[in-house]
Amino acid sequence: MMPERIRTVKEFTAASRERELVGITQAAYRVTEKCDRLQGPCGARCFSNHGEQQPDPTIEQINEVFDNLLNAGVNAVNIFGGEPLLRKDIVDILRLGRAKGFIMTLTTNCDFMSEELMAEIAPFIDYLSVSLDGESAKANDKYRGKGQFAAVKRVIDWYDPKMPFQLKVNTQVHKLNYDEIDDIPKLFGDKPVIWKLLQYTPREAGLQCKDTFAITCAEFEEKGRQIVEKNRVALDRNLYLYLRTYSYDEVPDVLIIRPQGDVLLNYQEGYVVIGNAHSGNIANMLVMTEDQHPGYFDANSREFNDSYPIFPT
């Protein structure tokens, strides 16, 4: 059986408690498809085969999408890319999402994060989500690119648990880094950190490198067992660990919005466009999706709850 920690959110922000959930819990909004790093498993899984990059949405278009999501009962928005910090108005975007009452996550590769910017965005996010695919610069930067380990390590060092957001570190577990991730928790020190391990699961164009990176569910579960055994002290003290297996046969659980409003659903080995956030009603899209894929609402909410806990105070 897969080892697991407490995997329920103990509380939400006041705004989310006041809003009754109609459909799913979280949408992921790609506010840019520009990125300074497109390589290895990161680029393959992030961009897949979505065609040409779409132009960045204006702040007015983002506001329109936020309102559409609100009307659909969505509680949480993950702002990602591409690399969202390439946008000069990223603080304005996060401020707008906070004003709407969303639980806000910013996902970044940390290349353009500074201590000053981190302090500036802090009031407008609930989670800062970063990625590490290796326990050292040598191990991580083979897959994420030179300097990415150092960029993330700086953010971890700057992070103060008294800040009004929680730090989440994502690690894709694949064939090549299988023996290079066990000591990642040592980088966290005594700071409370959410560590999500994802079984590498390519889609669309990413399938071209499947044989290079993909591992089986059994291999992933064994790695999870090893990590739990090695990090028992941290797990009892300051580490929340979520081990996420993937299967192409499972019920879809994400909702992705591309820069120009295309609404995507993960389905088997690819993504399906189910509408556009500027010309269609997202609430109707969600109802249609639940009808076609029973259990979608629950799967989305469960994935959010497992991935974004709140440490008890």
C-alpha atoms as a PDB file:
ATOM      1  CA  MET A   1       0.000   0.000   0.000  1.00  0.00           C
ATOM      2  CA  MET A   2       1.222   3.509  -0.827  1.00  0.00           C
ATOM      3  CA  PRO A   3       2.549   5.306   2.269  1.00  0.00           C
ATOM      4  CA  GLU A   4       0.743   8.550   2.910  1.00  0.00           C
ATOM      5  CA  ARG A   5       0.557  11.442   5.334  1.00  0.00           C
ATOM      6  CA  ILE A   6      -2.484  13.347   6.545  1.00  0.00           C
ATOM      7  CA  ARG A   7      -3.933  14.269   3.185  1.00  0.00           C
ATOM      8  CA  THR A   8      -6.777  16.602   3.913  1.00  0.00           C
ATOM      9  CA  VAL A   9      -6.862  20.349   3.983  1.00  0.00           C
ATOM     10  CA  LYS A  10      -7.698  21.348   7.550  1.00  0.00           C
ATOM     11  CA  GLU A  11      -8.943  24.785   6.658  1.00  0.00           C
ATOM     12  CA  PHE A  12      -9.331  27.091   3.681  1.00  0.00           C
ATOM     13  CA  THR A  13      -9.124  30.853   3.485  1.00  0.00           C
ATOM     14  CA  ALA A  14     -12.145  32.699   4.830  1.00  0.00           C
ATOM     15  CA  ALA A  15     -13.218  33.562   1.290  1.00  0.00           C
ATOM     16  CA  SER A  16     -13.330  29.938   0.192  1.00  0.00           C
ATOM     17  CA  ARG A  17     -15.278  28.857   3.266  1.00  0.00           C
ATOM     18  CA  GLU A  18     -17.961  31.394   2.445  1.00  0.00           C
ATOM     19  CA  ARG A  19     -18.398  30.202  -1.141  1.00  0.00           C
ATOM     20  CA  GLU A  20     -20.287  26.980  -1.715  1.00  0.00           C
ATOM     21  CA  LEU A  21     -18.526  24.690  -4.160  1.00  0.00           C
ATOM     22  CA  VAL A  22     -20.534  24.181  -7.346  1.00  0.00           C
ATOM     23  CA  GLY A  23     -18.074  22.288  -9.503  1.00  0.00           C
ATOM     24  CA  ILE A  24     -14.362  21.680  -9.251  1.00  0.00           C
ATOM     25  CA  THR A  25     -11.984  23.156  -6.691  1.00  0.00           C
ATOM     26  CA  GLN A  26      -8.980  24.355  -8.722  1.00  0.00           C
ATOM     27  CA  ALA A  27      -8.148  25.613 -12.197  1.00  0.00           C
ATOM     28  CA  ALA A  28      -4.617  26.101 -13.531  1.00  0.00           C
ATOM     29  CA  TYR A  29      -4.265  29.315 -15.533  1.00  0.00           C
ATOM     30  CA  ARG A  30      -1.331  29.550 -17.922  1.00  0.00           C
ATOM     31  CA  VAL A  31      -0.884  33.325 -18.072  1.00  0.00           C
ATOM     32  CA  THR A  32       2.049  32.949 -20.459  1.00  0.00           C
ATOM     33  CA  GLU A  33       3.571  30.240 -22.613  1.00  0.00           C
ATOM     34  CA  LYS A  34       6.928  31.984 -22.767  1.00  0.00           C
ATOM     35  CA  CYS A  35       9.633  30.226 -20.784  1.00  0.00           C
ATOM     36  CA  ASP A  36      13.362  30.606 -20.310  1.00  0.00           C
ATOM     37  CA  ARG A  37      13.717  26.831 -19.848  1.00  0.00           C
ATOM     38  CA  LEU A  38      12.307  24.258 -22.256  1.00  0.00           C
ATOM     39  CA  GLN A  39      14.168  21.010 -21.925  1.00  0.00           C
ATOM     40  CA  GLY A  40      14.051  17.459 -20.631  1.00  0.00           C
ATOM     41  CA  PRO A  41      11.022  16.112 -18.784  1.00  0.00           C
ATOM     42  CA  CYS A  42       9.978  19.603 -17.704  1.00  0.00           C
ATOM     43  CA  GLY A  43       9.506  20.989 -21.218  1.00  0.00           C
ATOM     44  CA  ALA A  44       7.990  17.791 -22.545  1.00  0.00           C
ATOM     45  CA  ARG A  45       5.384  17.556 -19.811  1.00  0.00           C
ATOM     46  CA  CYS A  46       4.632  21.269 -19.517  1.00  0.00           C
ATOM     47  CA  PHE A  47       4.128  22.194 -23.151  1.00  0.00           C
ATOM     48  CA  SER A  48       3.236  18.779 -24.612  1.00  0.00           C
ATOM     49  CA  ASN A  49       1.838  19.356 -28.104  1.00  0.00           C
ATOM     50  CA  HIS A  50      -0.289  22.470 -27.809  1.00  0.00           C
ATOM     51  CA  GLY A  51       0.820  23.985 -31.088  1.00  0.00           C
ATOM     52  CA  GLU A  52       2.200  27.499 -31.396  1.00  0.00           C
ATOM     53  CA  GLN A  53       2.574  29.590 -28.269  1.00  0.00           C
ATOM     54  CA  GLN A  54      -0.447  31.793 -27.682  1.00  0.00           C
ATOM     55  CA  PRO A  55      -0.039  35.525 -26.998  1.00  0.00           C
ATOM     56  CA  ASP A  56      -0.171  36.558 -23.359  1.00  0.00           C
ATOM     57  CA  PRO A  57      -3.616  37.640 -22.144  1.00  0.00           C
ATOM     58  CA  THR A  58      -4.120  41.242 -21.077  1.00  0.00           C
ATOM     59  CA  ILE A  59      -5.032  42.027 -17.494  1.00  0.00           C
ATOM     60  CA  GLU A  60      -8.557  42.738 -18.754  1.00  0.00           C
ATOM     61  CA  GLN A  61      -8.765  39.270 -20.298  1.00  0.00           C
ATOM     62  CA  ILE A  62      -7.431  37.730 -17.097  1.00  0.00           C
ATOM     63  CA  ASN A  63     -10.111  39.558 -15.117  1.00  0.00           C
ATOM     64  CA  GLU A  64     -12.736  38.133 -17.482  1.00  0.00           C
ATOM     65  CA  VAL A  65     -11.448  34.597 -16.964  1.00  0.00           C
ATOM     66  CA  PHE A  66     -11.358  35.070 -13.187  1.00  0.00           C
ATOM     67  CA  ASP A  67     -15.013  36.162 -13.210  1.00  0.00           C
ATOM     68  CA  ASN A  68     -15.948  33.161 -15.357  1.00  0.00           C
ATOM     69  CA  LEU A  69     -14.211  30.856 -12.880  1.00  0.00           C
ATOM     70  CA  LEU A  70     -15.955  32.535  -9.957  1.00  0.00           C
ATOM     71  CA  ASN A  71     -19.328  32.012 -11.587  1.00  0.00           C
ATOM     72  CA  ALA A  72     -18.437  28.341 -12.014  1.00  0.00           C
ATOM     73  CA  GLY A  73     -17.758  27.997  -8.282  1.00  0.00           C
ATOM     74  CA  VAL A  74     -14.022  27.446  -8.644  1.00  0.00           C
ATOM     75  CA  ASN A  75     -12.264  28.110  -5.331  1.00  0.00           C
ATOM     76  CA  ALA A  76      -8.579  28.075  -6.248  1.00  0.00           C
ATOM     77  CA  VAL A  77      -6.388  29.224  -9.136  1.00  0.00           C
ATOM     78  CA  ASN A  78      -2.828  28.135  -9.873  1.00  0.00           C
ATOM     79  CA  ILE A  79      -0.999  30.805 -11.883  1.00  0.00           C
ATOM     80  CA  PHE A  80       1.644  29.086 -14.012  1.00  0.00           C
ATOM     81  CA  GLY A  81       3.205  29.027 -17.471  1.00  0.00           C
ATOM     82  CA  GLY A  82       5.546  28.957 -19.244  1.00  0.00           C
ATOM     83  CA  GLU A  83       7.288  31.039 -16.647  1.00  0.00           C
ATOM     84  CA  PRO A  84       4.834  33.513 -15.089  1.00  0.00           C
ATOM     85  CA  LEU A  85       7.560  35.736 -13.640  1.00  0.00           C
ATOM     86  CA  LEU A  86       8.417  36.756 -17.200  1.00  0.00           C
ATOM     87  CA  ARG A  87       5.285  38.908 -16.997  1.00  0.00           C
ATOM     88  CA  LYS A  88       6.018  42.377 -15.663  1.00  0.00           C
ATOM     89  CA  ASP A  89       2.479  42.577 -14.244  1.00  0.00           C
ATOM     90  CA  ILE A  90       2.605  39.310 -12.284  1.00  0.00           C
ATOM     91  CA  VAL A  91       2.039  41.145  -8.985  1.00  0.00           C
ATOM     92  CA  ASP A  92      -1.078  42.798 -10.431  1.00  0.00           C
ATOM     93  CA  ILE A  93      -2.372  39.408 -11.605  1.00  0.00           C
ATOM     94  CA  LEU A  94      -1.909  37.846  -8.175  1.00  0.00           C
ATOM     95  CA  ARG A  95      -3.414  40.886  -6.462  1.00  0.00           C
ATOM     96  CA  LEU A  96      -6.460  40.619  -8.723  1.00  0.00           C
ATOM     97  CA  GLY A  97      -6.907  36.927  -7.954  1.00  0.00           C
ATOM     98  CA  ARG A  98      -6.671  37.595  -4.234  1.00  0.00           C
ATOM     99  CA  ALA A  99      -9.251  40.398  -4.524  1.00  0.00           C
ATOM    100  CA  LYS A 100     -11.634  37.929  -6.189  1.00  0.00           C
ATOM    101  CA  GLY A 101     -11.285  35.646  -3.158  1.00  0.00           C
ATOM    102  CA  PHE A 102      -9.429  32.752  -4.778  1.00  0.00           C
ATOM    103  CA  ILE A 103      -6.980  30.508  -2.992  1.00  0.00           C
ATOM    104  CA  MET A 104      -3.932  31.534  -5.028  1.00  0.00           C
ATOM    105  CA  THR A 105      -0.885  29.498  -6.049  1.00  0.00           C
ATOM    106  CA  LEU A 106       2.097  30.764  -8.027  1.00  0.00           C
ATOM    107  CA  THR A 107       4.152  28.093  -9.800  1.00  0.00           C
ATOM    108  CA  THR A 108       7.603  29.262 -10.904  1.00  0.00           C
ATOM    109  CA  ASN A 109      11.036  27.934 -11.828  1.00  0.00           C
ATOM    110  CA  CYS A 110      12.460  30.693  -9.564  1.00  0.00           C
ATOM    111  CA  ASP A 111      14.917  32.062 -12.141  1.00  0.00           C
ATOM    112  CA  PHE A 112      13.488  35.572 -11.884  1.00  0.00           C
ATOM    113  CA  MET A 113      12.551  35.503  -8.215  1.00  0.00           C
ATOM    114  CA  SER A 114      14.260  37.974  -5.929  1.00  0.00           C
ATOM    115  CA  GLU A 115      13.891  38.408  -2.199  1.00  0.00           C
ATOM    116  CA  GLU A 116      12.183  41.740  -2.856  1.00  0.00           C
ATOM    117  CA  LEU A 117       9.709  40.251  -5.350  1.00  0.00           C
ATOM    118  CA  MET A 118       8.976  37.376  -2.980  1.00  0.00           C
ATOM    119  CA  ALA A 119       8.030  39.884  -0.281  1.00  0.00           C
ATOM    120  CA  GLU A 120       5.916  41.838  -2.763  1.00  0.00           C
ATOM    121  CA  ILE A 121       3.834  38.843  -3.885  1.00  0.00           C
ATOM    122  CA  ALA A 122       3.568  37.303  -0.402  1.00  0.00           C
ATOM    123  CA  PRO A 123       0.265  39.003   0.573  1.00  0.00           C
ATOM    124  CA  PHE A 124      -1.437  37.737  -2.578  1.00  0.00           C
ATOM    125  CA  ILE A 125      -0.632  34.004  -2.564  1.00  0.00           C
ATOM    126  CA  ASP A 126      -1.444  31.027  -0.372  1.00  0.00           C
ATOM    127  CA  TYR A 127       1.162  28.729  -1.939  1.00  0.00           C
ATOM    128  CA  LEU A 128       4.470  29.219  -3.725  1.00  0.00           C
ATOM    129  CA  SER A 129       5.094  26.119  -5.836  1.00  0.00           C
ATOM    130  CA  VAL A 130       8.605  25.333  -7.107  1.00  0.00           C
ATOM    131  CA  SER A 131      10.327  22.320  -8.667  1.00  0.00           C
ATOM    132  CA  LEU A 132      13.415  20.287  -7.825  1.00  0.00           C
ATOM    133  CA  ASP A 133      14.273  17.095  -9.683  1.00  0.00           C
ATOM    134  CA  GLY A 134      17.533  16.368  -7.892  1.00  0.00           C
ATOM    135  CA  GLU A 135      19.115  16.643  -4.459  1.00  0.00           C
ATOM    136  CA  SER A 136      22.147  18.571  -5.750  1.00  0.00           C
ATOM    137  CA  ALA A 137      22.931  21.073  -8.478  1.00  0.00           C
ATOM    138  CA  LYS A 138      24.656  18.350 -10.476  1.00  0.00           C
ATOM    139  CA  ALA A 139      21.639  16.044 -10.257  1.00  0.00           C
ATOM    140  CA  ASN A 140      18.877  18.628 -10.709  1.00  0.00           C
ATOM    141  CA  ASP A 141      20.379  20.810 -13.414  1.00  0.00           C
ATOM    142  CA  LYS A 142      20.792  17.861 -15.788  1.00  0.00           C
ATOM    143  CA  TYR A 143      17.028  18.001 -16.208  1.00  0.00           C
ATOM    144  CA  ARG A 144      16.052  21.539 -15.218  1.00  0.00           C
ATOM    145  CA  GLY A 145      18.955  23.464 -16.711  1.00  0.00           C
ATOM    146  CA  LYS A 146      22.067  25.111 -15.306  1.00  0.00           C
ATOM    147  CA  GLY A 147      21.409  27.355 -12.338  1.00  0.00           C
ATOM    148  CA  GLN A 148      17.880  26.182 -11.562  1.00  0.00           C
ATOM    149  CA  PHE A 149      18.912  24.326  -8.408  1.00  0.00           C
ATOM    150  CA  ALA A 150      20.607  27.450  -7.068  1.00  0.00           C
ATOM    151  CA  ALA A 151      17.548  29.568  -7.896  1.00  0.00           C
ATOM    152  CA  VAL A 152      15.210  27.254  -5.975  1.00  0.00           C
ATOM    153  CA  LYS A 153      17.649  26.922  -3.078  1.00  0.00           C
ATOM    154  CA  ARG A 154      17.706  30.711  -2.723  1.00  0.00           C
ATOM    155  CA  VAL A 155      13.913  30.763  -2.495  1.00  0.00           C
ATOM    156  CA  ILE A 156      13.946  28.014   0.144  1.00  0.00           C
ATOM    157  CA  ASP A 157      16.521  29.986   2.128  1.00  0.00           C
ATOM    158  CA  TRP A 158      14.492  33.208   1.850  1.00  0.00           C
ATOM    159  CA  TYR A 159      11.293  31.482   2.893  1.00  0.00           C
ATOM    160  CA  ASP A 160      10.180  32.285   6.423  1.00  0.00           C
ATOM    161  CA  PRO A 161       7.353  30.157   7.867  1.00  0.00           C
ATOM    162  CA  LYS A 162       5.905  33.395   9.251  1.00  0.00           C
ATOM    163  CA  MET A 163       5.204  34.506   5.681  1.00  0.00           C
ATOM    164  CA  PRO A 164       1.485  34.362   4.763  1.00  0.00           C
ATOM    165  CA  PHE A 165       1.941  31.497   2.294  1.00  0.00           C
ATOM    166  CA  GLN A 166       3.200  27.932   2.321  1.00  0.00           C
ATOM    167  CA  LEU A 167       6.110  26.578   0.300  1.00  0.00           C
ATOM    168  CA  LYS A 168       5.511  23.582  -1.953  1.00  0.00           C
ATOM    169  CA  VAL A 169       8.278  21.677  -3.738  1.00  0.00           C
ATOM    170  CA  ASN A 170       7.415  19.384  -6.664  1.00  0.00           C
ATOM    171  CA  THR A 171       9.634  16.525  -7.808  1.00  0.00           C
ATOM    172  CA  GLN A 172       9.001  14.484 -10.931  1.00  0.00           C
ATOM    173  CA  VAL A 173      10.274  10.978 -10.279  1.00  0.00           C
ATOM    174  CA  HIS A 174      11.620   9.321 -13.409  1.00  0.00           C
ATOM    175  CA  LYS A 175      14.060   6.696 -14.566  1.00  0.00           C
ATOM    176  CA  LEU A 176      17.117   8.958 -14.650  1.00  0.00           C
ATOM    177  CA  ASN A 177      16.760  10.738 -11.286  1.00  0.00           C
ATOM    178  CA  TYR A 178      15.416   7.718  -9.385  1.00  0.00           C
ATOM    179  CA  ASP A 179      18.467   7.509  -7.104  1.00  0.00           C
ATOM    180  CA  GLU A 180      19.120  11.256  -6.879  1.00  0.00           C
ATOM    181  CA  ILE A 181      16.142  12.625  -4.920  1.00  0.00           C
ATOM    182  CA  ASP A 182      16.078  10.932  -1.504  1.00  0.00           C
ATOM    183  CA  ASP A 183      17.988  13.740   0.239  1.00  0.00           C
ATOM    184  CA  ILE A 184      15.955  16.660  -1.124  1.00  0.00           C
ATOM    185  CA  PRO A 185      14.318  17.182   2.330  1.00  0.00           C
ATOM    186  CA  LYS A 186      17.746  18.047   3.752  1.00  0.00           C
ATOM    187  CA  LEU A 187      17.517  21.274   1.737  1.00  0.00           C
ATOM    188  CA  PHE A 188      14.445  22.334   3.729  1.00  0.00           C
ATOM    189  CA  GLY A 189      16.124  22.330   7.135  1.00  0.00           C
ATOM    190  CA  ASP A 190      13.495  22.733   9.856  1.00  0.00           C
ATOM    191  CA  LYS A 191      11.120  24.728   7.667  1.00  0.00           C
ATOM    192  CA  PRO A 192       7.628  23.302   7.074  1.00  0.00           C
ATOM    193  CA  VAL A 193       7.445  22.290   3.419  1.00  0.00           C
ATOM    194  CA  ILE A 194       4.938  20.453   1.247  1.00  0.00           C
ATOM    195  CA  TRP A 195       6.841  17.942  -0.890  1.00  0.00           C
ATOM    196  CA  LYS A 196       4.908  16.437  -3.773  1.00  0.00           C
ATOM    197  CA  LEU A 197       6.454  13.545  -5.659  1.00  0.00           C
ATOM    198  CA  LEU A 198       4.885  12.911  -9.056  1.00  0.00           C
ATOM    199  CA  GLN A 199       5.325   9.766 -11.083  1.00  0.00           C
ATOM    200  CA  TYR A 200       6.555  11.088 -14.432  1.00  0.00           C
ATOM    201  CA  THR A 201       3.694  10.687 -16.894  1.00  0.00           C
ATOM    202  CA  PRO A 202       4.228  12.197 -20.364  1.00  0.00           C
ATOM    203  CA  ARG A 203       1.369  13.329 -22.583  1.00  0.00           C
ATOM    204  CA  GLU A 204       1.162  14.124 -26.289  1.00  0.00           C
ATOM    205  CA  ALA A 205       4.596  15.310 -27.531  1.00  0.00           C
ATOM    206  CA  GLY A 206       6.099  14.178 -24.238  1.00  0.00           C
ATOM    207  CA  LEU A 207       5.396  10.589 -25.277  1.00  0.00           C
ATOM    208  CA  GLN A 208       8.426  10.860 -27.562  1.00  0.00           C
ATOM    209  CA  CYS A 209      10.681  10.622 -24.503  1.00  0.00           C
ATOM    210  CA  LYS A 210       8.535   8.161 -22.567  1.00  0.00           C
ATOM    211  CA  ASP A 211      11.045   5.318 -22.834  1.00  0.00           C
ATOM    212  CA  THR A 212      13.787   7.588 -21.508  1.00  0.00           C
ATOM    213  CA  PHE A 213      12.002   8.841 -18.405  1.00  0.00           C
ATOM    214  CA  ALA A 214       8.862   6.850 -17.527  1.00  0.00           C
ATOM    215  CA  ILE A 215       8.711   4.431 -14.588  1.00  0.00           C
ATOM    216  CA  THR A 216       6.016   1.991 -13.496  1.00  0.00           C
ATOM    217  CA  CYS A 217       3.592   2.548 -10.634  1.00  0.00           C
ATOM    218  CA  ALA A 218       5.355  -0.235  -8.725  1.00  0.00           C
ATOM    219  CA  GLU A 219       8.726   1.479  -9.149  1.00  0.00           C
ATOM    220  CA  PHE A 220       7.256   4.781  -8.001  1.00  0.00           C
ATOM    221  CA  GLU A 221       5.667   3.202  -4.940  1.00  0.00           C
ATOM    222  CA  GLU A 222       8.961   1.547  -4.019  1.00  0.00           C
ATOM    223  CA  LYS A 223      10.714   4.895  -4.255  1.00  0.00           C
ATOM    224  CA  GLY A 224       8.030   6.382  -2.029  1.00  0.00           C
ATOM    225  CA  ARG A 225       8.614   3.647   0.537  1.00  0.00           C
ATOM    226  CA  GLN A 226      12.355   4.334   0.498  1.00  0.00           C
ATOM    227  CA  ILE A 227      11.862   8.066   0.949  1.00  0.00           C
ATOM    228  CA  VAL A 228       9.415   7.633   3.819  1.00  0.00           C
ATOM    229  CA  GLU A 229      11.829   5.297   5.582  1.00  0.00           C
ATOM    230  CA  LYS A 230      14.752   7.683   5.110  1.00  0.00           C
ATOM    231  CA  ASN A 231      12.889  10.821   6.181  1.00  0.00           C
ATOM    232  CA  ARG A 232      10.813   9.669   9.143  1.00  0.00           C
ATOM    233  CA  VAL A 233      12.123  12.384  11.461  1.00  0.00           C
ATOM    234  CA  ALA A 234      11.241  15.166   9.011  1.00  0.00           C
ATOM    235  CA  LEU A 235       7.836  13.591   8.338  1.00  0.00           C
ATOM    236  CA  ASP A 236       7.060  13.679  12.036  1.00  0.00           C
ATOM    237  CA  ARG A 237       8.287  17.240  12.415  1.00  0.00           C
ATOM    238  CA  ASN A 238       8.027  19.560   9.424  1.00  0.00           C
ATOM    239  CA  LEU A 239       7.503  17.658   6.157  1.00  0.00           C
ATOM    240  CA  TYR A 240       4.200  16.956   4.427  1.00  0.00           C
ATOM    241  CA  LEU A 241       4.739  14.305   1.748  1.00  0.00           C
ATOM    242  CA  TYR A 242       2.276  13.538  -1.035  1.00  0.00           C
ATOM    243  CA  LEU A 243       3.070  10.668  -3.402  1.00  0.00           C
ATOM    244  CA  ARG A 244       1.126  10.951  -6.646  1.00  0.00           C
ATOM    245  CA  THR A 245       0.883   7.922  -8.914  1.00  0.00           C
ATOM    246  CA  TYR A 246      -0.590   8.363 -12.380  1.00  0.00           C
ATOM    247  CA  SER A 247      -2.530   6.166 -14.755  1.00  0.00           C
ATOM    248  CA  TYR A 248      -3.764   7.065 -18.215  1.00  0.00           C
ATOM    249  CA  ASP A 249      -7.017   5.278 -17.376  1.00  0.00           C
ATOM    250  CA  GLU A 250      -7.912   7.403 -14.358  1.00  0.00           C
ATOM    251  CA  VAL A 251     -10.675   9.991 -14.288  1.00  0.00           C
ATOM    252  CA  PRO A 252      -9.513  13.452 -15.483  1.00  0.00           C
ATOM    253  CA  ASP A 253      -8.682  15.743 -12.567  1.00  0.00           C
ATOM    254  CA  VAL A 254      -7.317  19.039 -13.905  1.00  0.00           C
ATOM    255  CA  LEU A 255      -8.638  22.095 -15.701  1.00  0.00           C
ATOM    256  CA  ILE A 256      -6.077  24.134 -17.633  1.00  0.00           C
ATOM    257  CA  ILE A 257      -6.725  27.502 -19.245  1.00  0.00           C
ATOM    258  CA  ARG A 258      -4.330  28.618 -21.969  1.00  0.00           C
ATOM    259  CA  PRO A 259      -3.410  32.294 -22.515  1.00  0.00           C
ATOM    260  CA  GLN A 260      -6.130  32.960 -25.100  1.00  0.00           C
ATOM    261  CA  GLY A 261      -8.805  31.126 -23.132  1.00  0.00           C
ATOM    262  CA  ASP A 262      -8.766  27.561 -24.458  1.00  0.00           C
ATOM    263  CA  VAL A 263     -10.006  25.313 -21.647  1.00  0.00           C
ATOM    264  CA  LEU A 264      -8.215  21.955 -21.526  1.00  0.00           C
ATOM    265  CA  LEU A 265      -8.922  18.702 -19.740  1.00  0.00           C
ATOM    266  CA  ASN A 266      -6.330  15.978 -19.185  1.00  0.00           C
ATOM    267  CA  TYR A 267      -7.577  12.783 -20.815  1.00  0.00           C
ATOM    268  CA  GLN A 268      -5.618   9.559 -21.247  1.00  0.00           C
ATOM    269  CA  GLU A 269      -2.373  10.374 -23.131  1.00  0.00           C
ATOM    270  CA  GLY A 270      -3.316  13.909 -24.108  1.00  0.00           C
ATOM    271  CA  TYR A 271      -5.440  16.984 -23.509  1.00  0.00           C
ATOM    272  CA  VAL A 272      -8.896  17.789 -24.843  1.00  0.00           C
ATOM    273  CA  VAL A 273     -10.194  21.309 -25.521  1.00  0.00           C
ATOM    274  CA  ILE A 274     -13.678  21.587 -24.005  1.00  0.00           C
ATOM    275  CA  GLY A 275     -14.361  25.268 -24.699  1.00  0.00           C
ATOM    276  CA  ASN A 276     -13.026  28.800 -24.384  1.00  0.00           C
ATOM    277  CA  ALA A 277     -13.112  30.902 -21.232  1.00  0.00           C
ATOM    278  CA  HIS A 278     -13.744  34.123 -23.182  1.00  0.00           C
ATOM    279  CA  SER A 279     -16.607  32.904 -25.341  1.00  0.00           C
ATOM    280  CA  GLY A 280     -18.173  30.162 -23.230  1.00  0.00           C
ATOM    281  CA  ASN A 281     -19.543  29.498 -19.763  1.00  0.00           C
ATOM    282  CA  ILE A 282     -17.062  27.480 -17.706  1.00  0.00           C
ATOM    283  CA  ALA A 283     -19.832  26.260 -15.393  1.00  0.00           C
ATOM    284  CA  ASN A 284     -21.538  24.599 -18.365  1.00  0.00           C
ATOM    285  CA  MET A 285     -18.233  23.075 -19.480  1.00  0.00           C
ATOM    286  CA  LEU A 286     -17.753  21.558 -16.023  1.00  0.00           C
ATOM    287  CA  VAL A 287     -21.242  20.072 -15.945  1.00  0.00           C
ATOM    288  CA  MET A 288     -20.654  18.553 -19.384  1.00  0.00           C
ATOM    289  CA  THR A 289     -17.322  17.138 -18.242  1.00  0.00           C
ATOM    290  CA  GLU A 290     -18.821  15.588 -15.110  1.00  0.00           C
ATOM    291  CA  ASP A 291     -21.558  14.010 -17.245  1.00  0.00           C
ATOM    292  CA  GLN A 292     -18.990  12.530 -19.632  1.00  0.00           C
ATOM    293  CA  HIS A 293     -16.464  11.604 -16.927  1.00  0.00           C
ATOM    294  CA  PRO A 294     -18.363  10.814 -13.710  1.00  0.00           C
ATOM    295  CA  GLY A 295     -16.195  11.521 -10.691  1.00  0.00           C
ATOM    296  CA  TYR A 296     -14.354  14.468 -12.277  1.00  0.00           C
ATOM    297  CA  PHE A 297     -15.492  16.948  -9.619  1.00  0.00           C
ATOM    298  CA  ASP A 298     -14.361  14.673  -6.802  1.00  0.00           C
ATOM    299  CA  ALA A 299     -11.062  13.848  -8.530  1.00  0.00           C
ATOM    300  CA  ASN A 300     -10.215  17.521  -8.991  1.00  0.00           C
ATOM    301  CA  SER A 301     -11.085  18.415  -5.411  1.00  0.00           C
ATOM    302  CA  ARG A 302      -9.178  15.432  -4.043  1.00  0.00           C
ATOM    303  CA  GLU A 303      -6.073  16.323  -6.055  1.00  0.00           C
ATOM    304  CA  PHE A 304      -6.197  19.884  -4.749  1.00  0.00           C
ATOM    305  CA  ASN A 305      -6.750  18.814  -1.147  1.00  0.00           C
ATOM    306  CA  ASP A 306      -3.897  16.309  -1.298  1.00  0.00           C
ATOM    307  CA  SER A 307      -1.504  18.698  -3.034  1.00  0.00           C
ATOM    308  CA  TYR A 308      -2.231  21.837  -1.015  1.00  0.00           C
ATOM    309  CA  PRO A 309      -2.680  21.103   2.687  1.00  0.00           C
ATOM    310  CA  ILE A 310      -2.492  23.686   5.423  1.00  0.00           C
ATOM    311  CA  PHE A 311      -0.152  22.859   8.268  1.00  0.00           C
ATOM    312  CA  PRO A 312      -1.935  22.896  11.631  1.00  0.00           C
ATOM    313  CA  THR A 313      -0.923  25.843  13.790  1.00  0.00           C
END
